[in-house]
Amino acid sequence: MKKIIIAILAAGAFVSGRAAESPFQIHSRGDFEENVIKQSKNQEIIYFPQIAGQQQKSDTIIAMRAYHHGKPHHLHPLKVVSPGAGGTGKAVGFEPINAYTLLLMINGPRLKAAPDLYAYCKVFVPEDFKGTLSLSLWNDTKNKSKKFYFQAKPGWNVLYTPLYGAGSLDAGDSFQGLNVNVVDNQMHKWIVDDIVIWQGQDTEKPATVTGISATSVDNGIKVTYQKSKDNLAVKCYRIYRGSVPGFKCDKSTLRGESDSLEFTDEPSMRDDYYYNVTAVDCAGLESVPGTAVQMK
């Protein structure tokens, strides 16, 4: 059985004390939409600009590499792939080999734990994947790790964990990496996108979703829309259906969620439904609904 470990190392000057006593901060963010700064000769290391909120930090870069821990030890190539999370844009991918592999995001020294710290990323799981997926946090101070398991599903999977308390890190502890652990029985291509580490409570909702279209197709109603932007990262989209143009987007009208830019609703006997779509970010904030559109 093959074991692939993707380690994410992120840095920034973390503020000590409760989030309520300090402003909301994004300490590290990479969506890989910016152009590659450089790539090593053998494509084994790839460098991106780091983003804080919507602003690029020109003095900081993110370096990623995939490291083969089998025998012999060596690095193997990374590449920018498309589409990224949300069905569009860019992400980072590599083809694993039968070995223990690391994908590193490096942009600074070890970090000190503080309350209300969170880490988030997305990993694309292949259709026929039947292994396990987990996120582990390495505690440098106590020299041990904490593992969090996730139920893997085909498509983009959200990996999210607090970095303080609840079995993670205590005050004064430091860390240098997060590992995405994949136990795989077959050879698969793996893709990582939307890596974010932040502190405090986010109050900025994603941008209102635009470009919504609902069209009748053979197997139902196909709803498409444009990608929303957020200061952290968009986790998913919620699709709503109502019988009047100004219907309310709530649990009673929710048809489902999608991690891409399309959603197929079940067939209906009616042909006059209206659809609306909202975006939800990795902090759980939902965008303000836009203008509903009638199905065609």
Protein backbone atom coordinates (compact mmCIF):
# COMPACT_ATOMS: atom_id res chain seq x y z
CA MET A 1 0.00 0.00 0.00
CA LYS A 2 1.38 3.35 -1.00
CA LYS A 3 1.48 6.24 1.41
CA ILE A 4 1.67 9.80 0.15
CA ILE A 5 2.14 12.64 2.62
CA ILE A 6 1.67 16.24 1.57
CA ALA A 7 3.28 18.59 4.08
CA ILE A 8 2.31 22.25 4.16
CA LEU A 9 4.74 24.59 5.92
CA ALA A 10 3.50 28.13 6.38
CA ALA A 11 4.90 31.14 8.18
CA GLY A 12 4.09 34.58 9.44
CA ALA A 13 4.29 36.63 12.60
CA PHE A 14 1.45 35.18 14.65
CA VAL A 15 -0.07 37.47 17.23
CA SER A 16 -0.32 36.08 20.72
CA GLY A 17 -3.54 36.41 22.68
CA ARG A 18 -7.18 35.89 21.85
CA ALA A 19 -8.54 36.80 18.44
CA ALA A 20 -11.02 39.09 20.18
CA GLU A 21 -8.05 41.13 21.42
CA SER A 22 -6.38 41.39 18.00
CA PRO A 23 -7.61 42.00 14.46
CA PHE A 24 -8.40 39.26 12.01
CA GLN A 25 -5.26 38.24 10.13
CA ILE A 26 -4.41 36.07 7.17
CA HIS A 27 -0.94 34.72 7.87
CA SER A 28 -0.44 32.64 4.75
CA ARG A 29 -2.48 32.21 1.60
CA GLY A 30 -1.74 30.59 -1.72
CA ASP A 31 -4.27 30.11 -4.50
CA PHE A 32 -1.61 29.70 -7.23
CA GLU A 33 -3.43 32.06 -9.59
CA GLU A 34 -0.39 34.36 -9.68
CA ASN A 35 2.38 33.60 -12.15
CA VAL A 36 5.15 31.27 -11.03
CA ILE A 37 8.16 33.26 -9.81
CA LYS A 38 10.58 30.54 -10.86
CA GLN A 39 11.00 26.79 -11.08
CA SER A 40 14.09 24.71 -10.56
CA LYS A 41 15.94 23.21 -13.51
CA ASN A 42 14.41 19.78 -13.05
CA GLN A 43 10.98 21.21 -12.09
CA GLU A 44 11.39 19.77 -8.61
CA ILE A 45 10.81 23.05 -6.76
CA ILE A 46 8.28 25.68 -7.77
CA TYR A 47 8.00 29.19 -6.32
CA PHE A 48 4.84 31.32 -6.09
CA PRO A 49 4.09 34.74 -4.60
CA GLN A 50 2.34 34.58 -1.26
CA ILE A 51 -0.96 36.44 -0.91
CA ALA A 52 -2.39 38.04 2.24
CA GLY A 53 -6.04 38.84 1.67
CA GLN A 54 -6.20 40.19 -1.85
CA GLN A 55 -2.73 41.78 -1.66
CA GLN A 56 0.44 40.11 -2.88
CA LYS A 57 3.31 40.22 -0.41
CA SER A 58 6.23 40.93 -2.71
CA ASP A 59 8.87 40.12 -0.08
CA THR A 60 7.61 36.58 0.53
CA ILE A 61 7.38 33.51 -1.68
CA ILE A 62 5.89 30.05 -1.38
CA ALA A 63 8.17 27.19 -2.36
CA MET A 64 6.61 23.80 -3.00
CA ARG A 65 8.33 20.50 -3.64
CA ALA A 66 7.43 16.82 -3.82
CA TYR A 67 9.98 14.65 -2.04
CA HIS A 68 10.38 10.91 -2.57
CA HIS A 69 11.40 9.12 0.63
CA GLY A 70 11.83 5.74 -1.02
CA LYS A 71 15.13 4.32 -2.14
CA PRO A 72 16.86 6.11 -3.71
CA HIS A 73 15.78 9.43 -2.19
CA HIS A 74 15.00 12.12 -4.72
CA LEU A 75 12.68 14.95 -5.64
CA HIS A 76 10.25 14.61 -8.50
CA PRO A 77 8.59 17.21 -10.76
CA LEU A 78 5.71 19.51 -9.86
CA LYS A 79 3.56 21.38 -12.32
CA VAL A 80 0.83 23.99 -12.50
CA VAL A 81 -2.41 22.33 -13.54
CA SER A 82 -5.87 23.53 -14.57
CA PRO A 83 -8.62 23.55 -13.50
CA GLY A 84 -8.06 24.35 -9.87
CA ALA A 85 -10.67 24.28 -7.11
CA GLY A 86 -14.01 25.63 -8.28
CA GLY A 87 -13.61 24.16 -11.74
CA THR A 88 -11.38 26.92 -13.04
CA GLY A 89 -8.06 28.62 -12.41
CA LYS A 90 -4.76 27.03 -11.41
CA ALA A 91 -3.53 24.53 -8.82
CA VAL A 92 -0.36 22.51 -8.12
CA GLY A 93 -0.16 18.87 -9.13
CA PHE A 94 2.23 15.95 -9.21
CA GLU A 95 2.17 12.31 -10.19
CA PRO A 96 3.03 10.18 -7.13
CA ILE A 97 5.32 7.21 -7.27
CA ASN A 98 5.35 4.14 -5.06
CA ALA A 99 6.95 5.90 -2.13
CA TYR A 100 6.53 8.24 0.80
CA THR A 101 6.20 11.72 -0.73
CA LEU A 102 6.16 15.26 0.66
CA LEU A 103 4.66 18.34 -0.97
CA LEU A 104 6.06 21.32 0.91
CA MET A 105 4.91 24.91 1.12
CA ILE A 106 7.76 26.86 2.68
CA ASN A 107 7.79 30.57 3.41
CA GLY A 108 9.42 31.20 6.76
CA PRO A 109 10.47 29.96 10.22
CA ARG A 110 8.57 27.94 12.79
CA LEU A 111 5.31 29.40 14.09
CA LYS A 112 4.06 29.84 17.64
CA ALA A 113 0.59 28.63 18.51
CA ALA A 114 -2.08 31.13 19.52
CA PRO A 115 -5.85 30.88 20.06
CA ASP A 116 -8.21 30.90 17.08
CA LEU A 117 -5.71 29.78 14.48
CA TYR A 118 -7.01 27.75 11.53
CA ALA A 119 -5.55 25.91 8.56
CA TYR A 120 -7.37 25.01 5.36
CA CYS A 121 -6.58 23.52 1.98
CA LYS A 122 -8.24 21.54 -0.80
CA VAL A 123 -7.06 18.23 -2.24
CA PHE A 124 -8.48 16.69 -5.41
CA VAL A 125 -9.39 13.03 -4.93
CA PRO A 126 -9.52 10.78 -8.04
CA GLU A 127 -12.79 9.06 -8.97
CA ASP A 128 -11.58 5.53 -8.16
CA PHE A 129 -9.71 6.41 -4.95
CA LYS A 130 -10.44 3.90 -2.17
CA GLY A 131 -7.78 4.81 0.40
CA THR A 132 -7.81 7.13 3.40
CA LEU A 133 -7.29 10.86 3.73
CA SER A 134 -6.14 12.65 6.88
CA LEU A 135 -4.51 15.85 8.08
CA SER A 136 -1.81 15.76 10.73
CA LEU A 137 -0.19 18.59 12.67
CA TRP A 138 3.38 18.20 13.85
CA ASN A 139 4.11 19.75 17.25
CA ASP A 140 7.80 20.72 17.28
CA THR A 141 7.76 21.58 20.98
CA LYS A 142 6.40 18.23 22.14
CA ASN A 143 7.83 16.24 19.23
CA LYS A 144 4.57 14.51 18.35
CA SER A 145 1.75 14.75 15.83
CA LYS A 146 -2.04 14.87 15.92
CA LYS A 147 -3.99 13.26 13.07
CA PHE A 148 -7.46 14.24 11.86
CA TYR A 149 -9.27 11.86 9.47
CA PHE A 150 -11.55 12.96 6.64
CA GLN A 151 -14.04 11.00 4.59
CA ALA A 152 -12.61 11.18 1.10
CA LYS A 153 -15.01 11.71 -1.79
CA PRO A 154 -14.33 12.03 -5.52
CA GLY A 155 -13.54 15.60 -6.47
CA TRP A 156 -12.28 18.44 -4.28
CA ASN A 157 -12.00 17.60 -0.59
CA VAL A 158 -11.80 20.26 2.13
CA LEU A 159 -9.12 19.69 4.78
CA TYR A 160 -9.63 22.05 7.71
CA THR A 161 -8.44 22.06 11.33
CA PRO A 162 -7.92 24.46 14.25
CA LEU A 163 -4.24 24.85 15.08
CA TYR A 164 -4.77 25.55 18.77
CA GLY A 165 -6.29 23.47 21.56
CA ALA A 166 -8.49 20.38 21.23
CA GLY A 167 -5.50 18.09 20.91
CA SER A 168 -3.62 20.32 18.49
CA LEU A 169 -1.19 22.92 19.89
CA ASP A 170 -1.07 24.58 23.30
CA ALA A 171 0.18 28.06 24.16
CA GLY A 172 3.94 28.23 23.60
CA ASP A 173 4.04 25.28 21.22
CA SER A 174 5.48 25.75 17.75
CA PHE A 175 4.92 24.01 14.44
CA GLN A 176 6.49 23.97 11.04
CA GLY A 177 4.25 21.75 9.00
CA LEU A 178 0.87 20.25 8.28
CA ASN A 179 0.70 16.90 6.51
CA VAL A 180 -2.02 15.73 4.18
CA ASN A 181 -1.74 11.96 4.48
CA VAL A 182 -2.99 9.84 1.60
CA VAL A 183 -2.94 6.04 1.84
CA ASP A 184 -3.40 4.89 -1.74
CA ASN A 185 -3.60 1.42 -3.30
CA GLN A 186 -3.08 2.66 -6.85
CA MET A 187 -1.06 5.21 -8.75
CA HIS A 188 -2.94 8.52 -8.90
CA LYS A 189 -2.34 12.13 -9.85
CA TRP A 190 -2.81 14.49 -6.89
CA ILE A 191 -3.72 18.18 -6.92
CA VAL A 192 -3.56 20.73 -4.09
CA ASP A 193 -5.11 24.21 -4.08
CA ASP A 194 -6.30 27.10 -1.87
CA ILE A 195 -3.94 26.86 1.11
CA VAL A 196 -4.82 29.32 3.89
CA ILE A 197 -3.72 29.86 7.50
CA TRP A 198 -5.51 32.58 9.44
CA GLN A 199 -6.27 33.81 12.94
CA GLY A 200 -9.44 35.26 14.43
CA GLN A 201 -12.95 35.52 13.08
CA ASP A 202 -13.39 36.41 9.43
CA THR A 203 -16.17 38.94 8.73
CA GLU A 204 -15.75 39.37 4.97
CA LYS A 205 -18.30 37.41 2.96
CA PRO A 206 -17.48 36.06 -0.49
CA ALA A 207 -18.47 38.19 -3.47
CA THR A 208 -22.02 37.77 -4.78
CA VAL A 209 -22.21 35.05 -7.41
CA THR A 210 -22.91 36.30 -10.94
CA GLY A 211 -23.42 34.77 -14.36
CA ILE A 212 -26.07 32.30 -13.16
CA SER A 213 -27.81 30.20 -15.81
CA ALA A 214 -30.34 27.35 -15.45
CA THR A 215 -31.02 25.17 -18.50
CA SER A 216 -33.14 22.06 -18.94
CA VAL A 217 -31.05 19.05 -19.99
CA ASP A 218 -31.76 15.33 -20.45
CA ASN A 219 -31.04 14.39 -16.84
CA GLY A 220 -32.38 17.47 -15.06
CA ILE A 221 -31.72 21.19 -14.76
CA LYS A 222 -28.09 22.26 -15.26
CA VAL A 223 -27.15 25.34 -13.23
CA THR A 224 -23.89 27.13 -14.06
CA TYR A 225 -22.33 30.31 -12.60
CA GLN A 226 -19.12 32.29 -12.43
CA LYS A 227 -16.42 31.89 -9.80
CA SER A 228 -16.78 34.01 -6.65
CA LYS A 229 -13.84 35.73 -4.95
CA ASP A 230 -13.04 35.77 -1.24
CA ASN A 231 -10.31 37.06 1.05
CA LEU A 232 -9.74 33.49 2.31
CA ALA A 233 -10.97 30.82 -0.11
CA VAL A 234 -14.36 29.72 -1.43
CA LYS A 235 -15.21 26.29 -0.06
CA CYS A 236 -18.38 25.52 -2.03
CA TYR A 237 -21.45 26.92 -3.76
CA ARG A 238 -25.07 26.54 -2.59
CA ILE A 239 -27.82 26.22 -5.15
CA TYR A 240 -31.36 27.42 -4.33
CA ARG A 241 -34.66 27.02 -6.20
CA GLY A 242 -37.91 28.94 -5.83
CA SER A 243 -41.20 29.55 -7.61
CA VAL A 244 -41.02 33.37 -7.73
CA PRO A 245 -38.19 35.75 -8.77
CA GLY A 246 -37.58 37.12 -5.27
CA PHE A 247 -37.71 33.84 -3.34
CA LYS A 248 -35.75 33.54 -0.10
CA CYS A 249 -32.51 31.56 -0.07
CA ASP A 250 -32.78 29.38 3.04
CA LYS A 251 -32.97 25.72 4.06
CA SER A 252 -36.43 25.32 2.56
CA THR A 253 -35.23 26.30 -0.94
CA LEU A 254 -31.73 24.74 -0.83
CA ARG A 255 -31.25 22.12 -3.55
CA GLY A 256 -27.66 21.19 -2.78
CA GLU A 257 -24.00 22.20 -2.75
CA SER A 258 -21.29 21.98 -5.39
CA ASP A 259 -17.50 22.26 -5.27
CA SER A 260 -17.38 23.26 -8.94
CA LEU A 261 -19.01 25.87 -11.17
CA GLU A 262 -21.99 23.73 -12.11
CA PHE A 263 -24.76 21.75 -10.47
CA THR A 264 -27.41 19.44 -11.94
CA ASP A 265 -30.78 19.55 -10.18
CA GLU A 266 -33.29 16.71 -10.36
CA PRO A 267 -35.83 16.78 -13.20
CA SER A 268 -39.04 18.67 -12.46
CA MET A 269 -42.58 18.68 -13.87
CA ARG A 270 -42.51 22.48 -13.76
CA ASP A 271 -40.70 24.68 -16.23
CA ASP A 272 -40.98 28.03 -14.43
CA TYR A 273 -38.64 27.61 -11.46
CA TYR A 274 -36.10 30.29 -10.51
CA TYR A 275 -32.55 29.52 -9.36
CA ASN A 276 -30.03 31.43 -7.27
CA VAL A 277 -26.50 30.57 -6.14
CA THR A 278 -24.37 31.70 -3.19
CA ALA A 279 -20.71 31.10 -2.30
CA VAL A 280 -19.51 29.83 1.10
CA ASP A 281 -15.94 30.49 2.25
CA CYS A 282 -13.69 28.31 4.39
CA ALA A 283 -14.70 30.27 7.52
CA GLY A 284 -18.36 29.39 6.88
CA LEU A 285 -19.52 32.82 5.68
CA GLU A 286 -22.11 32.85 2.87
CA SER A 287 -22.32 35.51 0.18
CA VAL A 288 -25.33 37.77 -0.28
CA PRO A 289 -27.68 36.26 -2.91
CA GLY A 290 -27.70 37.97 -6.27
CA THR A 291 -30.48 38.06 -8.85
CA ALA A 292 -32.35 34.80 -9.37
CA VAL A 293 -32.75 33.54 -12.94
CA GLN A 294 -35.59 31.54 -14.47
CA MET A 295 -34.84 28.15 -15.96
CA LYS A 296 -34.86 27.84 -19.74
